[in-house]
Amino acid sequence: MALPDVPITVIPKHYEGDLTDFTDDFVQARLDEVVDKIESRWGATVQRRLDSGALKTRTYQAIVVRVAARLFRNPEGYESESEGQYDYRLRATVASGTLWFTDDDEADLTGIKPGTTRIPGTVGLTPRWGF
């Protein structure tokens, strides 16, 4: 089962920026790309959380928009700028259009903080005294 698409119409609920520099097709393609990446990385987990209500649809949509918006906010990939003797630095991964997920994005989607495991541990048992 595929994860739900996120339509371009939800962007104003989750993004305050100006998208006039981008076509609707470009913006929708980025949203679709984020959904595809979520599907390929954590699809079954996210779907279970959506189905159970542990992950709300509006939160899922907000995460998809937030990840895509990283490209809309800074398409040139500026890392820093200075004014006196003008200077700037670019971050190649941002300028390249690479979509990336923060640890918080992953935790919000999966319910698991990255770097932690959910493997059952061991339990120590001792005989009960007093019988």
N, C-alpha and C. Protein backbone atom coordinates (compact mmCIF):
# COMPACT_ATOMS: atom_id res chain seq x y z
N MET A 1 0.84 -1.18 0.00
CA MET A 1 0.00 0.00 0.00
C MET A 1 0.89 1.25 0.00
N ALA A 2 0.61 2.17 -0.87
CA ALA A 2 1.42 3.39 -0.98
C ALA A 2 0.97 4.42 0.06
N LEU A 3 1.91 5.17 0.51
CA LEU A 3 1.60 6.25 1.45
C LEU A 3 0.77 7.31 0.74
N PRO A 4 -0.03 8.07 1.49
CA PRO A 4 -0.86 9.09 0.85
C PRO A 4 -0.02 10.21 0.24
N ASP A 5 -0.47 10.67 -0.93
CA ASP A 5 0.17 11.81 -1.56
C ASP A 5 -0.14 13.07 -0.76
N VAL A 6 0.70 14.06 -0.92
CA VAL A 6 0.49 15.35 -0.27
C VAL A 6 0.27 16.37 -1.38
N PRO A 7 -0.95 16.91 -1.48
CA PRO A 7 -1.24 17.85 -2.57
C PRO A 7 -0.64 19.23 -2.29
N ILE A 8 -0.36 19.93 -3.36
CA ILE A 8 0.22 21.27 -3.27
C ILE A 8 -0.67 22.22 -2.47
N THR A 9 -1.95 21.93 -2.40
CA THR A 9 -2.90 22.82 -1.71
C THR A 9 -2.67 22.88 -0.21
N VAL A 10 -1.92 21.93 0.38
CA VAL A 10 -1.68 21.97 1.84
C VAL A 10 -0.46 22.83 2.19
N ILE A 11 0.31 23.24 1.21
CA ILE A 11 1.53 24.00 1.50
C ILE A 11 1.26 25.25 2.33
N PRO A 12 0.26 26.07 2.03
CA PRO A 12 0.06 27.28 2.84
C PRO A 12 -0.18 27.01 4.32
N LYS A 13 -0.63 25.81 4.68
CA LYS A 13 -0.85 25.47 6.09
C LYS A 13 0.47 25.23 6.82
N HIS A 14 1.53 24.90 6.07
CA HIS A 14 2.77 24.47 6.70
C HIS A 14 4.01 25.25 6.24
N TYR A 15 3.85 26.18 5.31
CA TYR A 15 5.01 26.91 4.78
C TYR A 15 4.63 28.36 4.57
N GLU A 16 5.43 29.24 5.13
CA GLU A 16 5.11 30.66 5.09
C GLU A 16 5.77 31.40 3.93
N GLY A 17 6.62 30.72 3.18
CA GLY A 17 7.41 31.39 2.15
C GLY A 17 6.67 31.64 0.85
N ASP A 18 7.38 32.26 -0.05
CA ASP A 18 6.87 32.63 -1.36
C ASP A 18 7.33 31.59 -2.39
N LEU A 19 6.40 31.01 -3.09
CA LEU A 19 6.74 29.98 -4.08
C LEU A 19 6.58 30.47 -5.51
N THR A 20 6.51 31.79 -5.71
CA THR A 20 6.26 32.32 -7.05
C THR A 20 7.42 32.07 -8.01
N ASP A 21 8.60 31.76 -7.50
CA ASP A 21 9.74 31.46 -8.37
C ASP A 21 9.70 30.04 -8.92
N PHE A 22 8.75 29.23 -8.44
CA PHE A 22 8.67 27.83 -8.82
C PHE A 22 7.32 27.53 -9.47
N THR A 23 7.32 26.65 -10.45
CA THR A 23 6.06 26.23 -11.05
C THR A 23 5.36 25.25 -10.13
N ASP A 24 4.05 25.16 -10.29
CA ASP A 24 3.28 24.20 -9.49
C ASP A 24 3.76 22.78 -9.76
N ASP A 25 4.12 22.48 -11.00
CA ASP A 25 4.61 21.15 -11.34
C ASP A 25 5.90 20.82 -10.59
N PHE A 26 6.80 21.80 -10.51
CA PHE A 26 8.06 21.60 -9.79
C PHE A 26 7.80 21.34 -8.30
N VAL A 27 6.95 22.16 -7.71
CA VAL A 27 6.63 22.04 -6.29
C VAL A 27 5.98 20.69 -6.01
N GLN A 28 5.00 20.31 -6.83
CA GLN A 28 4.33 19.02 -6.63
C GLN A 28 5.30 17.86 -6.81
N ALA A 29 6.22 17.99 -7.76
CA ALA A 29 7.22 16.93 -7.96
C ALA A 29 8.11 16.77 -6.74
N ARG A 30 8.47 17.87 -6.08
CA ARG A 30 9.29 17.77 -4.87
C ARG A 30 8.49 17.10 -3.75
N LEU A 31 7.23 17.46 -3.59
CA LEU A 31 6.39 16.82 -2.58
C LEU A 31 6.30 15.31 -2.85
N ASP A 32 6.08 14.96 -4.11
CA ASP A 32 5.99 13.55 -4.48
C ASP A 32 7.30 12.82 -4.22
N GLU A 33 8.42 13.50 -4.48
CA GLU A 33 9.73 12.89 -4.23
C GLU A 33 9.93 12.62 -2.74
N VAL A 34 9.50 13.55 -1.89
CA VAL A 34 9.61 13.34 -0.44
C VAL A 34 8.77 12.14 -0.03
N VAL A 35 7.55 12.05 -0.52
CA VAL A 35 6.68 10.91 -0.19
C VAL A 35 7.34 9.62 -0.64
N ASP A 36 7.92 9.62 -1.85
CA ASP A 36 8.60 8.41 -2.36
C ASP A 36 9.77 8.01 -1.47
N LYS A 37 10.54 8.99 -1.01
CA LYS A 37 11.67 8.68 -0.12
C LYS A 37 11.19 8.12 1.21
N ILE A 38 10.13 8.69 1.75
CA ILE A 38 9.57 8.17 3.00
C ILE A 38 9.10 6.74 2.79
N GLU A 39 8.42 6.51 1.67
CA GLU A 39 7.92 5.16 1.35
C GLU A 39 9.06 4.16 1.27
N SER A 40 10.15 4.54 0.61
CA SER A 40 11.25 3.59 0.42
C SER A 40 12.04 3.36 1.70
N ARG A 41 12.10 4.34 2.58
CA ARG A 41 12.89 4.20 3.80
C ARG A 41 12.11 3.61 4.96
N TRP A 42 10.89 4.10 5.16
CA TRP A 42 10.14 3.73 6.36
C TRP A 42 8.67 3.43 6.05
N GLY A 43 8.36 3.07 4.83
CA GLY A 43 6.98 2.96 4.36
C GLY A 43 6.04 2.19 5.27
N ALA A 44 6.37 0.93 5.60
CA ALA A 44 5.46 0.10 6.39
C ALA A 44 5.26 0.68 7.79
N THR A 45 6.33 1.19 8.37
CA THR A 45 6.25 1.77 9.72
C THR A 45 5.36 3.01 9.72
N VAL A 46 5.59 3.89 8.74
CA VAL A 46 4.80 5.12 8.66
C VAL A 46 3.34 4.78 8.38
N GLN A 47 3.09 3.83 7.49
CA GLN A 47 1.71 3.45 7.18
C GLN A 47 0.99 2.90 8.41
N ARG A 48 1.67 2.05 9.19
CA ARG A 48 1.08 1.53 10.42
C ARG A 48 0.74 2.65 11.39
N ARG A 49 1.65 3.62 11.50
CA ARG A 49 1.42 4.74 12.42
C ARG A 49 0.28 5.63 11.94
N LEU A 50 0.16 5.82 10.62
CA LEU A 50 -0.96 6.59 10.07
C LEU A 50 -2.28 5.85 10.31
N ASP A 51 -2.27 4.55 10.04
CA ASP A 51 -3.49 3.75 10.22
C ASP A 51 -3.95 3.71 11.67
N SER A 52 -3.01 3.65 12.60
CA SER A 52 -3.36 3.56 14.02
C SER A 52 -3.69 4.92 14.63
N GLY A 53 -3.33 5.99 13.94
CA GLY A 53 -3.56 7.33 14.48
C GLY A 53 -2.39 7.84 15.31
N ALA A 54 -1.35 7.02 15.48
CA ALA A 54 -0.17 7.47 16.23
C ALA A 54 0.53 8.61 15.49
N LEU A 55 0.44 8.60 14.17
CA LEU A 55 0.95 9.69 13.33
C LEU A 55 -0.26 10.31 12.65
N LYS A 56 -0.56 11.54 12.98
CA LYS A 56 -1.71 12.23 12.40
C LYS A 56 -1.41 12.63 10.95
N THR A 57 -2.45 12.63 10.13
CA THR A 57 -2.29 13.00 8.73
C THR A 57 -1.72 14.40 8.59
N ARG A 58 -2.16 15.33 9.40
CA ARG A 58 -1.66 16.71 9.29
C ARG A 58 -0.17 16.79 9.66
N THR A 59 0.27 15.94 10.60
CA THR A 59 1.69 15.92 10.96
C THR A 59 2.50 15.32 9.82
N TYR A 60 2.00 14.25 9.23
CA TYR A 60 2.65 13.63 8.07
C TYR A 60 2.79 14.66 6.94
N GLN A 61 1.72 15.37 6.64
CA GLN A 61 1.76 16.38 5.59
C GLN A 61 2.74 17.50 5.94
N ALA A 62 2.76 17.91 7.20
CA ALA A 62 3.68 18.97 7.62
C ALA A 62 5.13 18.55 7.43
N ILE A 63 5.43 17.29 7.74
CA ILE A 63 6.80 16.80 7.57
C ILE A 63 7.18 16.78 6.10
N VAL A 64 6.28 16.30 5.24
CA VAL A 64 6.56 16.28 3.80
C VAL A 64 6.82 17.69 3.29
N VAL A 65 5.99 18.64 3.67
CA VAL A 65 6.18 20.03 3.24
C VAL A 65 7.47 20.59 3.81
N ARG A 66 7.76 20.31 5.08
CA ARG A 66 8.98 20.82 5.74
C ARG A 66 10.23 20.34 5.02
N VAL A 67 10.27 19.06 4.66
CA VAL A 67 11.44 18.52 3.96
C VAL A 67 11.57 19.17 2.58
N ALA A 68 10.47 19.25 1.85
CA ALA A 68 10.52 19.87 0.52
C ALA A 68 10.86 21.36 0.61
N ALA A 69 10.37 22.02 1.64
CA ALA A 69 10.57 23.47 1.79
C ALA A 69 12.04 23.83 1.99
N ARG A 70 12.86 22.89 2.41
CA ARG A 70 14.29 23.20 2.55
C ARG A 70 14.88 23.60 1.20
N LEU A 71 14.32 23.05 0.13
CA LEU A 71 14.78 23.44 -1.21
C LEU A 71 14.21 24.79 -1.61
N PHE A 72 12.97 25.07 -1.22
CA PHE A 72 12.33 26.32 -1.61
C PHE A 72 12.91 27.51 -0.86
N ARG A 73 13.31 27.30 0.38
CA ARG A 73 13.84 28.39 1.20
C ARG A 73 15.20 28.87 0.74
N ASN A 74 16.01 27.97 0.21
CA ASN A 74 17.39 28.30 -0.08
C ASN A 74 17.87 27.56 -1.33
N PRO A 75 17.27 27.86 -2.49
CA PRO A 75 17.62 27.09 -3.69
C PRO A 75 19.07 27.29 -4.15
N GLU A 76 19.68 28.41 -3.76
CA GLU A 76 21.07 28.64 -4.15
C GLU A 76 22.05 27.90 -3.24
N GLY A 77 21.60 27.49 -2.08
CA GLY A 77 22.44 26.72 -1.17
C GLY A 77 23.37 27.57 -0.32
N TYR A 78 22.97 28.81 -0.01
CA TYR A 78 23.82 29.65 0.82
C TYR A 78 23.99 29.06 2.21
N GLU A 79 25.22 28.99 2.66
CA GLU A 79 25.52 28.55 4.02
C GLU A 79 25.72 29.77 4.91
N SER A 80 26.36 30.80 4.37
CA SER A 80 26.57 32.04 5.11
C SER A 80 26.83 33.18 4.14
N GLU A 81 26.56 34.39 4.63
CA GLU A 81 26.83 35.60 3.85
C GLU A 81 27.41 36.65 4.79
N SER A 82 28.24 37.51 4.24
CA SER A 82 28.78 38.64 4.98
C SER A 82 28.55 39.89 4.16
N GLU A 83 28.63 41.06 4.79
CA GLU A 83 28.37 42.28 4.03
C GLU A 83 29.64 43.08 3.75
N GLY A 84 30.46 43.39 4.78
CA GLY A 84 31.70 44.13 4.54
C GLY A 84 32.65 43.28 3.72
N GLN A 85 33.15 43.82 2.59
CA GLN A 85 33.97 43.02 1.66
C GLN A 85 33.20 41.73 1.34
N TYR A 86 32.03 41.91 0.78
CA TYR A 86 31.03 40.85 0.59
C TYR A 86 31.65 39.46 0.43
N ASP A 87 31.12 38.52 1.15
CA ASP A 87 31.60 37.14 1.15
C ASP A 87 30.40 36.22 1.31
N TYR A 88 30.45 35.08 0.71
CA TYR A 88 29.40 34.09 0.90
C TYR A 88 29.97 32.69 0.76
N ARG A 89 29.29 31.75 1.36
CA ARG A 89 29.65 30.33 1.23
C ARG A 89 28.41 29.55 0.83
N LEU A 90 28.60 28.58 -0.03
CA LEU A 90 27.51 27.73 -0.47
C LEU A 90 27.68 26.32 0.09
N ARG A 91 26.58 25.69 0.37
CA ARG A 91 26.59 24.28 0.78
C ARG A 91 26.14 23.48 -0.44
N ALA A 92 27.04 22.67 -0.95
CA ALA A 92 26.79 21.96 -2.20
C ALA A 92 25.58 21.04 -2.13
N THR A 93 25.38 20.37 -1.01
CA THR A 93 24.24 19.44 -0.93
C THR A 93 22.91 20.16 -1.00
N VAL A 94 22.85 21.37 -0.43
CA VAL A 94 21.61 22.15 -0.50
C VAL A 94 21.42 22.69 -1.91
N ALA A 95 22.46 23.24 -2.48
CA ALA A 95 22.37 23.81 -3.83
C ALA A 95 22.07 22.74 -4.88
N SER A 96 22.44 21.50 -4.61
CA SER A 96 22.22 20.43 -5.58
C SER A 96 20.77 19.98 -5.62
N GLY A 97 19.96 20.41 -4.67
CA GLY A 97 18.57 20.00 -4.63
C GLY A 97 18.35 18.70 -3.88
N THR A 98 19.32 18.30 -3.10
CA THR A 98 19.21 17.05 -2.34
C THR A 98 18.18 17.21 -1.22
N LEU A 99 17.25 16.29 -1.17
CA LEU A 99 16.28 16.26 -0.08
C LEU A 99 16.89 15.49 1.08
N TRP A 100 16.75 15.99 2.29
CA TRP A 100 17.30 15.29 3.44
C TRP A 100 16.33 15.40 4.61
N PHE A 101 16.43 14.42 5.49
CA PHE A 101 15.57 14.33 6.66
C PHE A 101 16.42 14.54 7.91
N THR A 102 15.92 15.37 8.81
CA THR A 102 16.61 15.53 10.08
C THR A 102 16.27 14.35 10.98
N ASP A 103 16.99 14.21 12.08
CA ASP A 103 16.67 13.17 13.05
C ASP A 103 15.25 13.36 13.59
N ASP A 104 14.84 14.62 13.77
CA ASP A 104 13.48 14.89 14.25
C ASP A 104 12.44 14.46 13.22
N ASP A 105 12.71 14.70 11.93
CA ASP A 105 11.79 14.25 10.89
C ASP A 105 11.60 12.74 10.97
N GLU A 106 12.72 12.02 11.06
CA GLU A 106 12.67 10.55 11.13
C GLU A 106 11.93 10.09 12.39
N ALA A 107 12.21 10.71 13.51
CA ALA A 107 11.54 10.33 14.76
C ALA A 107 10.04 10.60 14.67
N ASP A 108 9.66 11.73 14.10
CA ASP A 108 8.24 12.06 13.96
C ASP A 108 7.53 11.06 13.05
N LEU A 109 8.20 10.64 11.99
CA LEU A 109 7.59 9.70 11.04
C LEU A 109 7.50 8.28 11.60
N THR A 110 8.57 7.83 12.23
CA THR A 110 8.66 6.42 12.63
C THR A 110 8.34 6.16 14.09
N GLY A 111 8.42 7.20 14.91
CA GLY A 111 8.24 7.01 16.34
C GLY A 111 9.48 6.47 17.03
N ILE A 112 10.57 6.38 16.28
CA ILE A 112 11.83 5.86 16.81
C ILE A 112 12.91 6.91 16.65
N LYS A 113 13.57 7.26 17.72
CA LYS A 113 14.67 8.22 17.63
C LYS A 113 15.85 7.57 16.94
N PRO A 114 16.39 8.19 15.89
CA PRO A 114 17.54 7.60 15.20
C PRO A 114 18.69 7.33 16.16
N GLY A 115 19.35 6.20 15.93
CA GLY A 115 20.47 5.82 16.78
C GLY A 115 20.08 4.94 17.95
N THR A 116 18.79 4.78 18.15
CA THR A 116 18.34 3.87 19.21
C THR A 116 17.85 2.57 18.57
N THR A 117 17.84 1.54 19.33
CA THR A 117 17.36 0.26 18.81
C THR A 117 16.10 -0.14 19.53
N ARG A 118 15.33 -0.96 18.88
CA ARG A 118 14.11 -1.46 19.50
C ARG A 118 14.16 -2.98 19.58
N ILE A 119 15.36 -3.48 19.81
CA ILE A 119 15.55 -4.91 19.96
C ILE A 119 15.26 -5.28 21.39
N PRO A 120 14.47 -6.31 21.61
CA PRO A 120 14.18 -6.70 22.99
C PRO A 120 15.46 -7.03 23.75
N GLY A 121 15.52 -6.60 24.98
CA GLY A 121 16.67 -6.87 25.82
C GLY A 121 16.47 -8.15 26.62
N THR A 122 17.29 -8.33 27.60
CA THR A 122 17.16 -9.52 28.45
C THR A 122 16.53 -9.12 29.76
N VAL A 123 15.90 -10.07 30.36
CA VAL A 123 15.26 -9.84 31.64
C VAL A 123 15.83 -10.84 32.63
N GLY A 124 16.24 -10.37 33.77
CA GLY A 124 16.76 -11.27 34.79
C GLY A 124 15.62 -11.81 35.65
N LEU A 125 15.61 -13.11 35.87
CA LEU A 125 14.59 -13.74 36.69
C LEU A 125 15.26 -14.40 37.89
N THR A 126 14.63 -14.30 39.02
CA THR A 126 15.14 -14.98 40.23
C THR A 126 13.98 -15.77 40.83
N PRO A 127 14.32 -16.88 41.52
CA PRO A 127 13.24 -17.64 42.14
C PRO A 127 12.59 -16.82 43.26
N ARG A 128 11.34 -17.04 43.43
CA ARG A 128 10.59 -16.34 44.47
C ARG A 128 10.76 -17.09 45.79
N TRP A 129 11.18 -16.38 46.82
CA TRP A 129 11.42 -17.02 48.13
C TRP A 129 10.17 -16.93 48.97
N GLY A 130 10.04 -17.85 49.90
CA GLY A 130 8.96 -17.79 50.84
C GLY A 130 7.87 -18.79 50.60
N PHE A 131 8.08 -19.71 49.70
CA PHE A 131 7.05 -20.74 49.46
C PHE A 131 7.22 -21.87 50.41
